[in-house]
Amino acid sequence: MSSFWNEYTCPRCKQLVGHGMFHDCPEDKRSLGIPLKTAVVDHYAPLRRVLDLALEQARSGKGAQRHGQGQPFDKQPMMEIGRMIGGPAGCFHQAMKKTQEASRMEPDAAKREILGAINYLAGAYLLLDEKGGV
């Protein structure tokens, strides 16, 4: 019986691979080794979908149009303001505001607000990371 911790099945060629081992997948034209973590990705596909939606919103949504001004994420006003005030408090405030607003919205609008909150929290993470907090 296959156990996640002992072995996994390659998602491309369905070959059984031992714990922590790499294999050259015949389905992979580049013949790259596949680490154990690759098998875990499918278990987190719903999370990846939401994070990808948040990324897409940051790249092309309202925030990018109004605030991004063509700047990289880490140079946008929310990040620069965070640096000016010495930390992520502004990003935390915006994330809290967006989630509170989402609780009163219809589902589609609420989901957009939640994606915005995720992006503000990513900004908070990056600001903490700059200070060596993570």
C-alpha atoms as a PDB file:
ATOM      1  CA  MET A   1       0.000   0.000   0.000  1.00  0.00           C
ATOM      2  CA  SER A   2       1.373   3.394  -0.985  1.00  0.00           C
ATOM      3  CA  SER A   3       1.946   5.895   1.796  1.00  0.00           C
ATOM      4  CA  PHE A   4       2.549   9.572   1.076  1.00  0.00           C
ATOM      5  CA  TRP A   5       5.523   9.625   3.425  1.00  0.00           C
ATOM      6  CA  ASN A   6       7.184   6.522   1.956  1.00  0.00           C
ATOM      7  CA  GLU A   7       6.527   6.715  -1.750  1.00  0.00           C
ATOM      8  CA  TYR A   8       4.569   8.613  -4.344  1.00  0.00           C
ATOM      9  CA  THR A   9       3.376   8.218  -7.905  1.00  0.00           C
ATOM     10  CA  CYS A  10       4.820  10.527 -10.543  1.00  0.00           C
ATOM     11  CA  PRO A  11       1.937  12.687 -11.770  1.00  0.00           C
ATOM     12  CA  ARG A  12       3.157  12.415 -15.373  1.00  0.00           C
ATOM     13  CA  CYS A  13       4.243   8.833 -15.992  1.00  0.00           C
ATOM     14  CA  LYS A  14       2.472   7.196 -12.993  1.00  0.00           C
ATOM     15  CA  GLN A  15       5.702   5.437 -11.957  1.00  0.00           C
ATOM     16  CA  LEU A  16       5.984   4.626  -8.245  1.00  0.00           C
ATOM     17  CA  VAL A  17       8.974   6.463  -6.745  1.00  0.00           C
ATOM     18  CA  GLY A  18      10.534   5.908  -3.314  1.00  0.00           C
ATOM     19  CA  HIS A  19      10.603   8.548  -0.574  1.00  0.00           C
ATOM     20  CA  GLY A  20      12.992  11.409  -1.255  1.00  0.00           C
ATOM     21  CA  MET A  21      14.137   9.920  -4.559  1.00  0.00           C
ATOM     22  CA  PHE A  22      14.380  11.600  -7.927  1.00  0.00           C
ATOM     23  CA  HIS A  23      13.611   9.961 -11.209  1.00  0.00           C
ATOM     24  CA  ASP A  24      13.898  10.933 -14.833  1.00  0.00           C
ATOM     25  CA  CYS A  25      10.318  10.953 -16.001  1.00  0.00           C
ATOM     26  CA  PRO A  26      10.058   9.575 -19.536  1.00  0.00           C
ATOM     27  CA  GLU A  27       7.078  11.897 -20.078  1.00  0.00           C
ATOM     28  CA  ASP A  28       9.264  14.906 -19.403  1.00  0.00           C
ATOM     29  CA  LYS A  29      10.993  15.867 -22.636  1.00  0.00           C
ATOM     30  CA  ARG A  30      13.603  17.825 -20.666  1.00  0.00           C
ATOM     31  CA  SER A  31      14.326  14.796 -18.431  1.00  0.00           C
ATOM     32  CA  LEU A  32      14.410  16.815 -15.244  1.00  0.00           C
ATOM     33  CA  GLY A  33      14.465  15.020 -11.898  1.00  0.00           C
ATOM     34  CA  ILE A  34      11.213  15.302  -9.935  1.00  0.00           C
ATOM     35  CA  PRO A  35      11.579  15.841  -6.171  1.00  0.00           C
ATOM     36  CA  LEU A  36       9.114  14.461  -3.624  1.00  0.00           C
ATOM     37  CA  LYS A  37       7.488  17.905  -3.282  1.00  0.00           C
ATOM     38  CA  THR A  38       6.102  17.627  -6.810  1.00  0.00           C
ATOM     39  CA  ALA A  39       3.694  14.940  -5.609  1.00  0.00           C
ATOM     40  CA  VAL A  40       2.391  17.301  -2.911  1.00  0.00           C
ATOM     41  CA  VAL A  41       1.387  20.032  -5.376  1.00  0.00           C
ATOM     42  CA  ASP A  42      -1.857  18.304  -6.357  1.00  0.00           C
ATOM     43  CA  HIS A  43      -2.963  18.192  -2.712  1.00  0.00           C
ATOM     44  CA  TYR A  44      -2.748  21.996  -2.643  1.00  0.00           C
ATOM     45  CA  ALA A  45      -4.278  22.691  -6.057  1.00  0.00           C
ATOM     46  CA  PRO A  46      -7.269  24.611  -4.583  1.00  0.00           C
ATOM     47  CA  LEU A  47      -4.909  26.881  -2.632  1.00  0.00           C
ATOM     48  CA  ARG A  48      -2.711  27.372  -5.702  1.00  0.00           C
ATOM     49  CA  ARG A  49      -5.793  28.353  -7.716  1.00  0.00           C
ATOM     50  CA  VAL A  50      -6.723  31.069  -5.213  1.00  0.00           C
ATOM     51  CA  LEU A  51      -3.145  32.354  -4.969  1.00  0.00           C
ATOM     52  CA  ASP A  52      -2.903  32.427  -8.771  1.00  0.00           C
ATOM     53  CA  LEU A  53      -6.152  34.429  -8.909  1.00  0.00           C
ATOM     54  CA  ALA A  54      -4.724  36.889  -6.362  1.00  0.00           C
ATOM     55  CA  LEU A  55      -1.564  37.219  -8.434  1.00  0.00           C
ATOM     56  CA  GLU A  56      -3.588  37.847 -11.585  1.00  0.00           C
ATOM     57  CA  GLN A  57      -5.643  40.483  -9.790  1.00  0.00           C
ATOM     58  CA  ALA A  58      -2.455  42.208  -8.605  1.00  0.00           C
ATOM     59  CA  ARG A  59      -1.051  42.137 -12.143  1.00  0.00           C
ATOM     60  CA  SER A  60      -4.107  43.342 -14.006  1.00  0.00           C
ATOM     61  CA  GLY A  61      -6.955  44.184 -11.635  1.00  0.00           C
ATOM     62  CA  LYS A  62      -8.127  47.409 -10.049  1.00  0.00           C
ATOM     63  CA  GLY A  63      -5.017  47.760  -7.887  1.00  0.00           C
ATOM     64  CA  ALA A  64      -2.664  47.483 -10.850  1.00  0.00           C
ATOM     65  CA  GLN A  65      -4.685  50.046 -12.774  1.00  0.00           C
ATOM     66  CA  ARG A  66      -5.142  52.542  -9.939  1.00  0.00           C
ATOM     67  CA  HIS A  67      -2.045  52.065  -7.840  1.00  0.00           C
ATOM     68  CA  GLY A  68       0.503  49.963  -9.712  1.00  0.00           C
ATOM     69  CA  GLN A  69       1.426  52.615 -12.268  1.00  0.00           C
ATOM     70  CA  GLY A  70       3.530  50.034 -14.080  1.00  0.00           C
ATOM     71  CA  GLN A  71       5.788  49.553 -11.068  1.00  0.00           C
ATOM     72  CA  PRO A  72       6.925  46.167  -9.745  1.00  0.00           C
ATOM     73  CA  PHE A  73       4.840  44.919  -6.811  1.00  0.00           C
ATOM     74  CA  ASP A  74       7.551  45.730  -4.277  1.00  0.00           C
ATOM     75  CA  LYS A  75       7.808  49.340  -5.526  1.00  0.00           C
ATOM     76  CA  GLN A  76       4.084  50.128  -5.546  1.00  0.00           C
ATOM     77  CA  PRO A  77       2.613  52.703  -3.126  1.00  0.00           C
ATOM     78  CA  MET A  78       1.402  50.139  -0.566  1.00  0.00           C
ATOM     79  CA  MET A  79       4.972  48.906  -0.190  1.00  0.00           C
ATOM     80  CA  GLU A  80       6.627  52.319  -0.240  1.00  0.00           C
ATOM     81  CA  ILE A  81       4.143  53.669   2.318  1.00  0.00           C
ATOM     82  CA  GLY A  82       4.844  50.647   4.499  1.00  0.00           C
ATOM     83  CA  ARG A  83       8.537  51.469   4.371  1.00  0.00           C
ATOM     84  CA  MET A  84       7.832  55.110   5.236  1.00  0.00           C
ATOM     85  CA  ILE A  85       5.786  54.190   8.302  1.00  0.00           C
ATOM     86  CA  GLY A  86       8.222  51.485   9.348  1.00  0.00           C
ATOM     87  CA  GLY A  87       6.287  48.308   8.762  1.00  0.00           C
ATOM     88  CA  PRO A  88       3.255  46.416   7.532  1.00  0.00           C
ATOM     89  CA  ALA A  89       0.549  48.129   9.649  1.00  0.00           C
ATOM     90  CA  GLY A  90      -0.983  49.811   6.581  1.00  0.00           C
ATOM     91  CA  CYS A  91      -1.155  46.517   4.702  1.00  0.00           C
ATOM     92  CA  PHE A  92      -2.748  44.828   7.727  1.00  0.00           C
ATOM     93  CA  HIS A  93      -5.303  47.642   7.953  1.00  0.00           C
ATOM     94  CA  GLN A  94      -6.209  47.338   4.263  1.00  0.00           C
ATOM     95  CA  ALA A  95      -6.516  43.536   4.496  1.00  0.00           C
ATOM     96  CA  MET A  96      -8.801  43.864   7.525  1.00  0.00           C
ATOM     97  CA  LYS A  97     -10.898  46.517   5.773  1.00  0.00           C
ATOM     98  CA  LYS A  98     -11.271  44.372   2.661  1.00  0.00           C
ATOM     99  CA  THR A  99     -12.307  41.262   4.597  1.00  0.00           C
ATOM    100  CA  GLN A 100     -14.809  43.250   6.650  1.00  0.00           C
ATOM    101  CA  GLU A 101     -16.273  44.724   3.460  1.00  0.00           C
ATOM    102  CA  ALA A 102     -16.368  41.270   1.835  1.00  0.00           C
ATOM    103  CA  SER A 103     -18.587  39.994   4.640  1.00  0.00           C
ATOM    104  CA  ARG A 104     -21.369  42.333   3.425  1.00  0.00           C
ATOM    105  CA  MET A 105     -21.062  41.672  -0.323  1.00  0.00           C
ATOM    106  CA  GLU A 106     -22.494  39.264  -2.830  1.00  0.00           C
ATOM    107  CA  PRO A 107     -20.197  36.250  -3.408  1.00  0.00           C
ATOM    108  CA  ASP A 108     -18.509  37.420  -6.645  1.00  0.00           C
ATOM    109  CA  ALA A 109     -17.704  40.868  -5.261  1.00  0.00           C
ATOM    110  CA  ALA A 110     -16.662  39.354  -1.925  1.00  0.00           C
ATOM    111  CA  LYS A 111     -14.217  37.011  -3.656  1.00  0.00           C
ATOM    112  CA  ARG A 112     -12.609  39.972  -5.435  1.00  0.00           C
ATOM    113  CA  GLU A 113     -12.182  41.772  -2.105  1.00  0.00           C
ATOM    114  CA  ILE A 114     -10.676  38.664  -0.532  1.00  0.00           C
ATOM    115  CA  LEU A 115      -8.140  38.398  -3.366  1.00  0.00           C
ATOM    116  CA  GLY A 116      -7.213  42.021  -2.683  1.00  0.00           C
ATOM    117  CA  ALA A 117      -6.783  41.196   1.011  1.00  0.00           C
ATOM    118  CA  ILE A 118      -4.488  38.312   0.080  1.00  0.00           C
ATOM    119  CA  ASN A 119      -2.352  40.736  -1.933  1.00  0.00           C
ATOM    120  CA  TYR A 120      -2.154  43.193   0.968  1.00  0.00           C
ATOM    121  CA  LEU A 121      -1.104  40.333   3.244  1.00  0.00           C
ATOM    122  CA  ALA A 122       1.568  39.366   0.716  1.00  0.00           C
ATOM    123  CA  GLY A 123       2.794  42.957   0.898  1.00  0.00           C
ATOM    124  CA  ALA A 124       2.860  42.714   4.709  1.00  0.00           C
ATOM    125  CA  TYR A 125       4.868  39.494   4.438  1.00  0.00           C
ATOM    126  CA  LEU A 126       7.378  41.152   2.124  1.00  0.00           C
ATOM    127  CA  LEU A 127       7.744  44.158   4.419  1.00  0.00           C
ATOM    128  CA  LEU A 128       8.399  41.850   7.378  1.00  0.00           C
ATOM    129  CA  ASP A 129      10.815  39.854   5.238  1.00  0.00           C
ATOM    130  CA  GLU A 130      12.776  43.034   4.490  1.00  0.00           C
ATOM    131  CA  LYS A 131      13.175  43.583   8.228  1.00  0.00           C
ATOM    132  CA  GLY A 132      14.328  40.006   8.706  1.00  0.00           C
ATOM    133  CA  GLY A 133      11.131  39.047  10.488  1.00  0.00           C
ATOM    134  CA  VAL A 134      10.447  35.892   8.476  1.00  0.00           C
END
